[in-house]
Amino acid sequence: METIYLALVVILFLLAISDLIVGVSNDAVNFLNSAVGAKAAQLRTILAVAALGVLIGATFSSGMMEVARKGIFNPQYFYFSEIIILFLAVMITDVILLDAFNTFGLPTSTTVSIVFELLGAAVAIALIKVYTDPNALPLYEYINSAKALAIISGILLSVVIAFSAGMIIQYLSRALFSFDYEKRLNYFGAPWGGLAIAAITYFMLIKGAKGASFMTEGVQDYIAHNTGTIMIASFIGSTLILWLLNRFTRFDILQFIVLVGTFALAMAFAG
C-alpha cells in the first residue's frame, strides 16, 4: 500500500509542475494583454517587466492558496487515502481545465478554478462516505460551509467592485485625455501619473508587505502607522519626477504607467 501512495505522490508532484506551467501561461495572458495590446514597449521589455513582477510577487506571497486549501473542507474528517484521491482529482481537473481554456483563448481565474475544484472534490468524497458508511458524519460536517461561502462571496464581490471601479477610472481617464491629447497630457499627465503610481505603490507595498516572509514586524508596523505619509510622499515624488521627465525629455508618461501597472499585475498574480 505504501508503494501505491508513493506513486500517487510522485504523480501529484508531476501534475503540480504541469499545473504550474498552464497556470502561469493562463495568468500571463491576463496581465500581459493590456501592455502588449497598447504597444507600451517592445515585447522583450514587457516580458522582462512582467518576469520581474512575478519574481518579486513570489517573495511577497501571502499564501492565499493555503487559505483556500484549508478553508473549503475539514481535512480531519477524511482518511489519508481519501485526501490523496481528493487532491489527485483536483490536480487533474485543474490541468485539463486551464489547458482547455488556454487552447481556446478563453480567460479564466486560477484562484476561482482551484476553489471550486476543491469544493467539488470534497463534496463528492463526502457524499461517497455518507452513502457507504453508516457511521459517517452528516455531509455539512465535512464541508467548511461558512468559510467556503465567505471565500466564494469574496470572489463574487471583488468582481463587482473591480468592474465598477475600473469603469469609473476608465471613464475619467478617457474624458481627461481623449480630446486634445497632447495639450492635456502636458498639464495633467504628471499628476495623473503620480496618482496612478501612488495607488500602485499602496497596492504593492502596503498590501503586499503583509505577506512577505522577509518583512520584520518592525518594518510592517512602521508601514502600517505611516501609510498616509508614504502615500503622500509617493504621489508628490512621482508627480515631480514625471513632470521633469516629460518637460525636458518628452518622456511618455502613459506608457510608463502601463508598464508599472503590468509589473503590479504580474506581482499580484504571482502572490
C-alpha atoms as a PDB file:
ATOM      1  CA  MET A   1       0.000   0.000   0.000  1.00  0.00           C
ATOM      2  CA  GLU A   2       2.871   2.348   0.771  1.00  0.00           C
ATOM      3  CA  THR A   3       4.148   1.856  -2.796  1.00  0.00           C
ATOM      4  CA  ILE A   4       0.789   2.968  -4.206  1.00  0.00           C
ATOM      5  CA  TYR A   5       0.764   6.080  -2.043  1.00  0.00           C
ATOM      6  CA  LEU A   6       4.344   6.874  -3.052  1.00  0.00           C
ATOM      7  CA  ALA A   7       3.394   6.521  -6.725  1.00  0.00           C
ATOM      8  CA  LEU A   8       0.394   8.818  -6.210  1.00  0.00           C
ATOM      9  CA  VAL A   9       2.600  11.416  -4.504  1.00  0.00           C
ATOM     10  CA  VAL A  10       5.020  11.293  -7.469  1.00  0.00           C
ATOM     11  CA  ILE A  11       2.065  11.722  -9.859  1.00  0.00           C
ATOM     12  CA  LEU A  12       0.845  14.685  -7.797  1.00  0.00           C
ATOM     13  CA  PHE A  13       4.327  16.225  -7.997  1.00  0.00           C
ATOM     14  CA  LEU A  14       4.419  15.849 -11.788  1.00  0.00           C
ATOM     15  CA  LEU A  15       0.896  17.227 -12.099  1.00  0.00           C
ATOM     16  CA  ALA A  16       1.911  20.181  -9.921  1.00  0.00           C
ATOM     17  CA  ILE A  17       4.705  21.035 -12.380  1.00  0.00           C
ATOM     18  CA  SER A  18       2.295  20.771 -15.313  1.00  0.00           C
ATOM     19  CA  ASP A  19      -0.319  22.799 -13.438  1.00  0.00           C
ATOM     20  CA  LEU A  20       2.254  25.499 -12.709  1.00  0.00           C
ATOM     21  CA  ILE A  21       3.103  25.752 -16.411  1.00  0.00           C
ATOM     22  CA  VAL A  22      -0.509  26.007 -17.645  1.00  0.00           C
ATOM     23  CA  GLY A  23      -1.484  28.212 -14.689  1.00  0.00           C
ATOM     24  CA  VAL A  24       1.280  30.749 -15.294  1.00  0.00           C
ATOM     25  CA  SER A  25       0.526  30.648 -19.043  1.00  0.00           C
ATOM     26  CA  ASN A  26      -3.112  31.462 -18.302  1.00  0.00           C
ATOM     27  CA  ASP A  27      -2.212  34.265 -15.890  1.00  0.00           C
ATOM     28  CA  ALA A  28       0.369  35.664 -18.311  1.00  0.00           C
ATOM     29  CA  VAL A  29      -2.364  36.265 -20.880  1.00  0.00           C
ATOM     30  CA  ASN A  30      -4.349  38.220 -18.287  1.00  0.00           C
ATOM     31  CA  PHE A  31      -1.577  40.522 -17.083  1.00  0.00           C
ATOM     32  CA  LEU A  32       0.266  40.972 -20.399  1.00  0.00           C
ATOM     33  CA  ASN A  33      -2.606  41.644 -22.757  1.00  0.00           C
ATOM     34  CA  SER A  34      -3.046  45.353 -21.853  1.00  0.00           C
ATOM     35  CA  ALA A  35       0.619  46.262 -22.297  1.00  0.00           C
ATOM     36  CA  VAL A  36       1.012  44.195 -25.469  1.00  0.00           C
ATOM     37  CA  GLY A  37      -2.250  45.498 -26.956  1.00  0.00           C
ATOM     38  CA  ALA A  38      -1.351  49.114 -26.173  1.00  0.00           C
ATOM     39  CA  LYS A  39       2.195  48.604 -27.540  1.00  0.00           C
ATOM     40  CA  ALA A  40       3.529  50.300 -24.422  1.00  0.00           C
ATOM     41  CA  ALA A  41       7.019  48.991 -25.202  1.00  0.00           C
ATOM     42  CA  GLN A  42       8.813  46.280 -27.122  1.00  0.00           C
ATOM     43  CA  LEU A  43       7.614  42.770 -26.323  1.00  0.00           C
ATOM     44  CA  ARG A  44      11.014  41.933 -24.833  1.00  0.00           C
ATOM     45  CA  THR A  45      10.745  44.864 -22.419  1.00  0.00           C
ATOM     46  CA  ILE A  46       7.175  43.973 -21.418  1.00  0.00           C
ATOM     47  CA  LEU A  47       8.169  40.358 -20.744  1.00  0.00           C
ATOM     48  CA  ALA A  48      11.155  41.490 -18.662  1.00  0.00           C
ATOM     49  CA  VAL A  49       8.944  43.790 -16.555  1.00  0.00           C
ATOM     50  CA  ALA A  50       6.367  41.011 -16.077  1.00  0.00           C
ATOM     51  CA  ALA A  51       9.067  38.468 -15.178  1.00  0.00           C
ATOM     52  CA  LEU A  52      10.441  40.830 -12.532  1.00  0.00           C
ATOM     53  CA  GLY A  53       6.912  41.286 -11.167  1.00  0.00           C
ATOM     54  CA  VAL A  54       6.375  37.524 -10.953  1.00  0.00           C
ATOM     55  CA  LEU A  55       9.722  37.064  -9.184  1.00  0.00           C
ATOM     56  CA  ILE A  56       9.046  39.766  -6.587  1.00  0.00           C
ATOM     57  CA  GLY A  57       5.400  38.677  -6.225  1.00  0.00           C
ATOM     58  CA  ALA A  58       6.519  35.176  -5.308  1.00  0.00           C
ATOM     59  CA  THR A  59       8.599  36.582  -2.436  1.00  0.00           C
ATOM     60  CA  PHE A  60       5.626  38.672  -1.262  1.00  0.00           C
ATOM     61  CA  SER A  61       3.292  35.676  -1.484  1.00  0.00           C
ATOM     62  CA  SER A  62       0.607  35.775   1.203  1.00  0.00           C
ATOM     63  CA  GLY A  63      -0.337  32.104   0.997  1.00  0.00           C
ATOM     64  CA  MET A  64      -3.812  32.671  -0.418  1.00  0.00           C
ATOM     65  CA  MET A  65      -3.872  29.146  -1.860  1.00  0.00           C
ATOM     66  CA  GLU A  66      -3.178  27.841   1.640  1.00  0.00           C
ATOM     67  CA  VAL A  67      -6.262  29.673   2.905  1.00  0.00           C
ATOM     68  CA  ALA A  68      -8.362  28.175   0.121  1.00  0.00           C
ATOM     69  CA  ARG A  69      -6.985  24.678   0.751  1.00  0.00           C
ATOM     70  CA  LYS A  70      -7.673  24.721   4.495  1.00  0.00           C
ATOM     71  CA  GLY A  71     -10.909  26.681   4.331  1.00  0.00           C
ATOM     72  CA  ILE A  72     -13.009  24.689   1.857  1.00  0.00           C
ATOM     73  CA  PHE A  73     -13.317  21.399   3.756  1.00  0.00           C
ATOM     74  CA  ASN A  74     -12.397  19.893   7.128  1.00  0.00           C
ATOM     75  CA  PRO A  75      -9.445  17.543   6.452  1.00  0.00           C
ATOM     76  CA  GLN A  76      -9.576  15.996   9.941  1.00  0.00           C
ATOM     77  CA  TYR A  77     -12.728  14.083   8.962  1.00  0.00           C
ATOM     78  CA  PHE A  78     -11.132  12.383   5.946  1.00  0.00           C
ATOM     79  CA  TYR A  79      -8.790   9.384   5.772  1.00  0.00           C
ATOM     80  CA  PHE A  80      -5.358   9.823   4.234  1.00  0.00           C
ATOM     81  CA  SER A  81      -6.348   7.759   1.192  1.00  0.00           C
ATOM     82  CA  GLU A  82      -9.385   9.992   0.626  1.00  0.00           C
ATOM     83  CA  ILE A  83      -7.263  13.141   0.885  1.00  0.00           C
ATOM     84  CA  ILE A  84      -4.802  11.769  -1.686  1.00  0.00           C
ATOM     85  CA  ILE A  85      -7.644  10.930  -4.101  1.00  0.00           C
ATOM     86  CA  LEU A  86      -9.235  14.334  -3.494  1.00  0.00           C
ATOM     87  CA  PHE A  87      -6.080  16.264  -4.355  1.00  0.00           C
ATOM     88  CA  LEU A  88      -5.339  13.984  -7.297  1.00  0.00           C
ATOM     89  CA  ALA A  89      -8.793  14.757  -8.713  1.00  0.00           C
ATOM     90  CA  VAL A  90      -8.246  18.486  -8.130  1.00  0.00           C
ATOM     91  CA  MET A  91      -4.860  18.494  -9.882  1.00  0.00           C
ATOM     92  CA  ILE A  92      -6.059  16.513 -12.912  1.00  0.00           C
ATOM     93  CA  THR A  93      -9.146  18.709 -13.267  1.00  0.00           C
ATOM     94  CA  ASP A  94      -7.115  21.899 -12.908  1.00  0.00           C
ATOM     95  CA  VAL A  95      -4.589  20.913 -15.575  1.00  0.00           C
ATOM     96  CA  ILE A  96      -7.307  19.859 -18.048  1.00  0.00           C
ATOM     97  CA  LEU A  97      -9.480  22.913 -17.346  1.00  0.00           C
ATOM     98  CA  LEU A  98      -6.720  25.526 -17.608  1.00  0.00           C
ATOM     99  CA  ASP A  99      -5.170  23.860 -20.654  1.00  0.00           C
ATOM    100  CA  ALA A 100      -8.572  23.773 -22.395  1.00  0.00           C
ATOM    101  CA  PHE A 101      -9.175  27.457 -21.637  1.00  0.00           C
ATOM    102  CA  ASN A 102      -5.669  28.355 -22.857  1.00  0.00           C
ATOM    103  CA  THR A 103      -6.157  26.335 -26.053  1.00  0.00           C
ATOM    104  CA  PHE A 104      -9.371  28.166 -26.966  1.00  0.00           C
ATOM    105  CA  GLY A 105      -8.070  31.557 -25.824  1.00  0.00           C
ATOM    106  CA  LEU A 106     -10.652  31.943 -23.066  1.00  0.00           C
ATOM    107  CA  PRO A 107      -9.796  33.901 -19.895  1.00  0.00           C
ATOM    108  CA  THR A 108     -10.227  32.229 -16.520  1.00  0.00           C
ATOM    109  CA  SER A 109      -9.002  32.615 -12.957  1.00  0.00           C
ATOM    110  CA  THR A 110      -6.670  30.051 -11.420  1.00  0.00           C
ATOM    111  CA  THR A 111      -7.879  31.006  -7.932  1.00  0.00           C
ATOM    112  CA  VAL A 112     -11.560  30.582  -8.780  1.00  0.00           C
ATOM    113  CA  SER A 113     -10.802  27.307 -10.553  1.00  0.00           C
ATOM    114  CA  ILE A 114      -8.961  25.729  -7.641  1.00  0.00           C
ATOM    115  CA  VAL A 115     -11.523  26.900  -5.060  1.00  0.00           C
ATOM    116  CA  PHE A 116     -14.425  25.270  -6.902  1.00  0.00           C
ATOM    117  CA  GLU A 117     -12.365  22.177  -7.758  1.00  0.00           C
ATOM    118  CA  LEU A 118     -11.582  21.686  -4.059  1.00  0.00           C
ATOM    119  CA  LEU A 119     -15.221  22.236  -3.150  1.00  0.00           C
ATOM    120  CA  GLY A 120     -16.498  19.814  -5.799  1.00  0.00           C
ATOM    121  CA  ALA A 121     -13.969  17.102  -4.947  1.00  0.00           C
ATOM    122  CA  ALA A 122     -14.635  17.429  -1.209  1.00  0.00           C
ATOM    123  CA  VAL A 123     -18.409  17.216  -1.706  1.00  0.00           C
ATOM    124  CA  ALA A 124     -18.009  14.154  -3.954  1.00  0.00           C
ATOM    125  CA  ILE A 125     -15.818  12.298  -1.429  1.00  0.00           C
ATOM    126  CA  ALA A 126     -18.130  13.315   1.421  1.00  0.00           C
ATOM    127  CA  LEU A 127     -21.209  12.034  -0.461  1.00  0.00           C
ATOM    128  CA  ILE A 128     -19.498   8.676  -1.045  1.00  0.00           C
ATOM    129  CA  LYS A 129     -18.675   8.443   2.672  1.00  0.00           C
ATOM    130  CA  VAL A 130     -22.240   9.352   3.683  1.00  0.00           C
ATOM    131  CA  TYR A 131     -23.838   6.747   1.396  1.00  0.00           C
ATOM    132  CA  THR A 132     -21.364   3.912   2.037  1.00  0.00           C
ATOM    133  CA  ASP A 133     -20.528   4.311   5.727  1.00  0.00           C
ATOM    134  CA  PRO A 134     -23.425   4.059   8.213  1.00  0.00           C
ATOM    135  CA  ASN A 135     -21.252   5.726  10.861  1.00  0.00           C
ATOM    136  CA  ALA A 136     -20.355   8.684   8.667  1.00  0.00           C
ATOM    137  CA  LEU A 137     -20.979  12.243   9.783  1.00  0.00           C
ATOM    138  CA  PRO A 138     -23.605  14.440   8.104  1.00  0.00           C
ATOM    139  CA  LEU A 139     -22.487  15.991   4.817  1.00  0.00           C
ATOM    140  CA  TYR A 140     -22.266  19.519   6.215  1.00  0.00           C
ATOM    141  CA  GLU A 141     -19.687  18.387   8.804  1.00  0.00           C
ATOM    142  CA  TYR A 142     -17.193  17.506   6.065  1.00  0.00           C
ATOM    143  CA  ILE A 143     -17.502  20.854   4.304  1.00  0.00           C
ATOM    144  CA  ASN A 144     -16.474  24.096   5.983  1.00  0.00           C
ATOM    145  CA  SER A 145     -19.616  25.806   4.729  1.00  0.00           C
ATOM    146  CA  ALA A 146     -19.090  29.172   6.429  1.00  0.00           C
ATOM    147  CA  LYS A 147     -15.523  29.551   5.162  1.00  0.00           C
ATOM    148  CA  ALA A 148     -16.377  28.271   1.684  1.00  0.00           C
ATOM    149  CA  LEU A 149     -19.279  30.709   1.368  1.00  0.00           C
ATOM    150  CA  ALA A 150     -17.071  33.547   2.630  1.00  0.00           C
ATOM    151  CA  ILE A 151     -14.401  32.783   0.013  1.00  0.00           C
ATOM    152  CA  ILE A 152     -16.939  32.454  -2.822  1.00  0.00           C
ATOM    153  CA  SER A 153     -18.774  35.618  -1.727  1.00  0.00           C
ATOM    154  CA  GLY A 154     -15.446  37.457  -1.570  1.00  0.00           C
ATOM    155  CA  ILE A 155     -14.617  36.364  -5.121  1.00  0.00           C
ATOM    156  CA  LEU A 156     -18.006  37.488  -6.468  1.00  0.00           C
ATOM    157  CA  LEU A 157     -17.894  40.768  -4.536  1.00  0.00           C
ATOM    158  CA  SER A 158     -14.381  41.516  -5.780  1.00  0.00           C
ATOM    159  CA  VAL A 159     -15.594  41.083  -9.371  1.00  0.00           C
ATOM    160  CA  VAL A 160     -18.390  43.618  -8.819  1.00  0.00           C
ATOM    161  CA  ILE A 161     -16.085  46.119  -7.079  1.00  0.00           C
ATOM    162  CA  ALA A 162     -13.321  45.719  -9.678  1.00  0.00           C
ATOM    163  CA  PHE A 163     -15.796  46.166 -12.551  1.00  0.00           C
ATOM    164  CA  SER A 164     -17.393  49.271 -11.033  1.00  0.00           C
ATOM    165  CA  ALA A 165     -14.113  50.913 -10.005  1.00  0.00           C
ATOM    166  CA  GLY A 166     -12.475  50.067 -13.327  1.00  0.00           C
ATOM    167  CA  MET A 167     -15.402  51.536 -15.263  1.00  0.00           C
ATOM    168  CA  ILE A 168     -15.287  54.810 -13.295  1.00  0.00           C
ATOM    169  CA  ILE A 169     -11.492  55.208 -13.553  1.00  0.00           C
ATOM    170  CA  GLN A 170     -11.558  54.332 -17.252  1.00  0.00           C
ATOM    171  CA  TYR A 171     -14.295  56.916 -17.882  1.00  0.00           C
ATOM    172  CA  LEU A 172     -12.333  59.625 -16.053  1.00  0.00           C
ATOM    173  CA  SER A 173      -9.086  58.841 -17.864  1.00  0.00           C
ATOM    174  CA  ARG A 174     -10.859  58.781 -21.240  1.00  0.00           C
ATOM    175  CA  ALA A 175     -12.633  62.062 -20.511  1.00  0.00           C
ATOM    176  CA  LEU A 176      -9.355  63.646 -19.424  1.00  0.00           C
ATOM    177  CA  PHE A 177      -7.076  62.527 -22.250  1.00  0.00           C
ATOM    178  CA  SER A 178      -9.223  61.561 -25.257  1.00  0.00           C
ATOM    179  CA  PHE A 179      -9.666  65.136 -26.548  1.00  0.00           C
ATOM    180  CA  ASP A 180      -6.760  67.497 -27.225  1.00  0.00           C
ATOM    181  CA  TYR A 181      -4.489  64.709 -26.026  1.00  0.00           C
ATOM    182  CA  GLU A 182      -1.043  66.328 -26.238  1.00  0.00           C
ATOM    183  CA  LYS A 183      -2.018  69.625 -24.601  1.00  0.00           C
ATOM    184  CA  ARG A 184      -3.871  67.968 -21.722  1.00  0.00           C
ATOM    185  CA  LEU A 185      -1.067  65.489 -21.176  1.00  0.00           C
ATOM    186  CA  ASN A 186       1.341  68.380 -20.587  1.00  0.00           C
ATOM    187  CA  TYR A 187      -0.960  69.803 -17.889  1.00  0.00           C
ATOM    188  CA  PHE A 188      -2.471  66.710 -16.273  1.00  0.00           C
ATOM    189  CA  GLY A 189      -0.112  63.885 -17.259  1.00  0.00           C
ATOM    190  CA  ALA A 190       2.272  64.206 -14.310  1.00  0.00           C
ATOM    191  CA  PRO A 191      -0.425  64.486 -11.565  1.00  0.00           C
ATOM    192  CA  TRP A 192      -2.387  61.638 -13.144  1.00  0.00           C
ATOM    193  CA  GLY A 193       0.752  59.520 -13.339  1.00  0.00           C
ATOM    194  CA  GLY A 194       1.637  60.405  -9.743  1.00  0.00           C
ATOM    195  CA  LEU A 195      -1.833  59.363  -8.603  1.00  0.00           C
ATOM    196  CA  ALA A 196      -1.593  56.083 -10.518  1.00  0.00           C
ATOM    197  CA  ILE A 197       1.865  55.279  -9.145  1.00  0.00           C
ATOM    198  CA  ALA A 198       0.774  56.178  -5.593  1.00  0.00           C
ATOM    199  CA  ALA A 199      -2.188  53.785  -5.934  1.00  0.00           C
ATOM    200  CA  ILE A 200       0.074  51.055  -7.320  1.00  0.00           C
ATOM    201  CA  THR A 201       2.568  51.695  -4.503  1.00  0.00           C
ATOM    202  CA  TYR A 202      -0.231  51.241  -1.975  1.00  0.00           C
ATOM    203  CA  PHE A 203      -1.251  48.015  -3.679  1.00  0.00           C
ATOM    204  CA  MET A 204       2.281  46.613  -3.863  1.00  0.00           C
ATOM    205  CA  LEU A 205       3.905  47.895  -0.675  1.00  0.00           C
ATOM    206  CA  ILE A 206       1.124  48.432   1.863  1.00  0.00           C
ATOM    207  CA  LYS A 207      -0.935  45.361   0.965  1.00  0.00           C
ATOM    208  CA  GLY A 208       1.869  43.184  -0.374  1.00  0.00           C
ATOM    209  CA  ALA A 209       4.148  43.694   2.614  1.00  0.00           C
ATOM    210  CA  LYS A 210       1.698  41.875   4.908  1.00  0.00           C
ATOM    211  CA  GLY A 211       2.500  38.513   3.382  1.00  0.00           C
ATOM    212  CA  ALA A 212       6.211  38.990   2.772  1.00  0.00           C
ATOM    213  CA  SER A 213       8.268  36.489   4.737  1.00  0.00           C
ATOM    214  CA  PHE A 214      11.332  38.764   4.818  1.00  0.00           C
ATOM    215  CA  MET A 215       9.459  41.744   6.290  1.00  0.00           C
ATOM    216  CA  THR A 216      10.132  42.092  10.016  1.00  0.00           C
ATOM    217  CA  GLU A 217       7.385  43.125  12.414  1.00  0.00           C
ATOM    218  CA  GLY A 218       9.108  46.457  12.964  1.00  0.00           C
ATOM    219  CA  VAL A 219       9.037  47.289   9.255  1.00  0.00           C
ATOM    220  CA  GLN A 220       5.411  46.172   8.933  1.00  0.00           C
ATOM    221  CA  ASP A 221       4.411  48.283  11.949  1.00  0.00           C
ATOM    222  CA  TYR A 222       6.227  51.299  10.509  1.00  0.00           C
ATOM    223  CA  ILE A 223       4.425  50.887   7.170  1.00  0.00           C
ATOM    224  CA  ALA A 224       1.062  50.410   8.901  1.00  0.00           C
ATOM    225  CA  HIS A 225       1.459  53.532  11.064  1.00  0.00           C
ATOM    226  CA  ASN A 226       2.847  55.727   8.276  1.00  0.00           C
ATOM    227  CA  THR A 227       0.636  54.676   5.368  1.00  0.00           C
ATOM    228  CA  GLY A 228      -0.653  58.203   4.764  1.00  0.00           C
ATOM    229  CA  THR A 229       2.833  59.705   4.792  1.00  0.00           C
ATOM    230  CA  ILE A 230       4.140  57.055   2.395  1.00  0.00           C
ATOM    231  CA  MET A 231       1.229  57.631   0.008  1.00  0.00           C
ATOM    232  CA  ILE A 232       1.613  61.430   0.025  1.00  0.00           C
ATOM    233  CA  ALA A 233       5.385  61.164  -0.485  1.00  0.00           C
ATOM    234  CA  SER A 234       4.841  58.672  -3.309  1.00  0.00           C
ATOM    235  CA  PHE A 235       2.313  60.951  -5.022  1.00  0.00           C
ATOM    236  CA  ILE A 236       4.378  64.144  -4.715  1.00  0.00           C
ATOM    237  CA  GLY A 237       7.669  62.454  -5.616  1.00  0.00           C
ATOM    238  CA  SER A 238       6.206  60.594  -8.609  1.00  0.00           C
ATOM    239  CA  THR A 239       4.403  63.693  -9.877  1.00  0.00           C
ATOM    240  CA  LEU A 240       7.556  65.818  -9.665  1.00  0.00           C
ATOM    241  CA  ILE A 241       9.776  63.217 -11.355  1.00  0.00           C
ATOM    242  CA  LEU A 242       7.250  62.564 -14.146  1.00  0.00           C
ATOM    243  CA  TRP A 243       6.757  66.309 -14.730  1.00  0.00           C
ATOM    244  CA  LEU A 244      10.512  66.885 -15.021  1.00  0.00           C
ATOM    245  CA  LEU A 245      10.954  63.915 -17.356  1.00  0.00           C
ATOM    246  CA  ASN A 246       8.035  64.985 -19.546  1.00  0.00           C
ATOM    247  CA  ARG A 247       9.141  68.630 -19.537  1.00  0.00           C
ATOM    248  CA  PHE A 248      12.764  68.102 -20.526  1.00  0.00           C
ATOM    249  CA  THR A 249      12.879  64.708 -22.300  1.00  0.00           C
ATOM    250  CA  ARG A 250       9.363  64.256 -23.737  1.00  0.00           C
ATOM    251  CA  PHE A 251       9.030  61.150 -21.607  1.00  0.00           C
ATOM    252  CA  ASP A 252       5.838  59.172 -22.373  1.00  0.00           C
ATOM    253  CA  ILE A 253       4.053  59.139 -19.024  1.00  0.00           C
ATOM    254  CA  LEU A 254       1.129  56.930 -20.039  1.00  0.00           C
ATOM    255  CA  GLN A 255       3.341  54.187 -21.463  1.00  0.00           C
ATOM    256  CA  PHE A 256       5.338  54.205 -18.236  1.00  0.00           C
ATOM    257  CA  ILE A 257       2.127  53.853 -16.192  1.00  0.00           C
ATOM    258  CA  VAL A 258       1.086  50.866 -18.330  1.00  0.00           C
ATOM    259  CA  LEU A 259       4.435  49.178 -17.652  1.00  0.00           C
ATOM    260  CA  VAL A 260       4.219  49.871 -13.911  1.00  0.00           C
ATOM    261  CA  GLY A 261       0.663  48.507 -13.930  1.00  0.00           C
ATOM    262  CA  THR A 262       1.849  45.387 -15.766  1.00  0.00           C
ATOM    263  CA  PHE A 263       4.524  44.900 -13.104  1.00  0.00           C
ATOM    264  CA  ALA A 264       1.900  45.261 -10.344  1.00  0.00           C
ATOM    265  CA  LEU A 265      -0.480  42.809 -12.037  1.00  0.00           C
ATOM    266  CA  ALA A 266       2.287  40.247 -12.520  1.00  0.00           C
ATOM    267  CA  MET A 267       3.222  40.661  -8.870  1.00  0.00           C
ATOM    268  CA  ALA A 268      -0.419  40.184  -7.818  1.00  0.00           C
ATOM    269  CA  PHE A 269      -0.857  37.022  -9.888  1.00  0.00           C
ATOM    270  CA  ALA A 270       2.387  35.574  -8.525  1.00  0.00           C
ATOM    271  CA  GLY A 271       1.389  36.412  -4.939  1.00  0.00           C
END
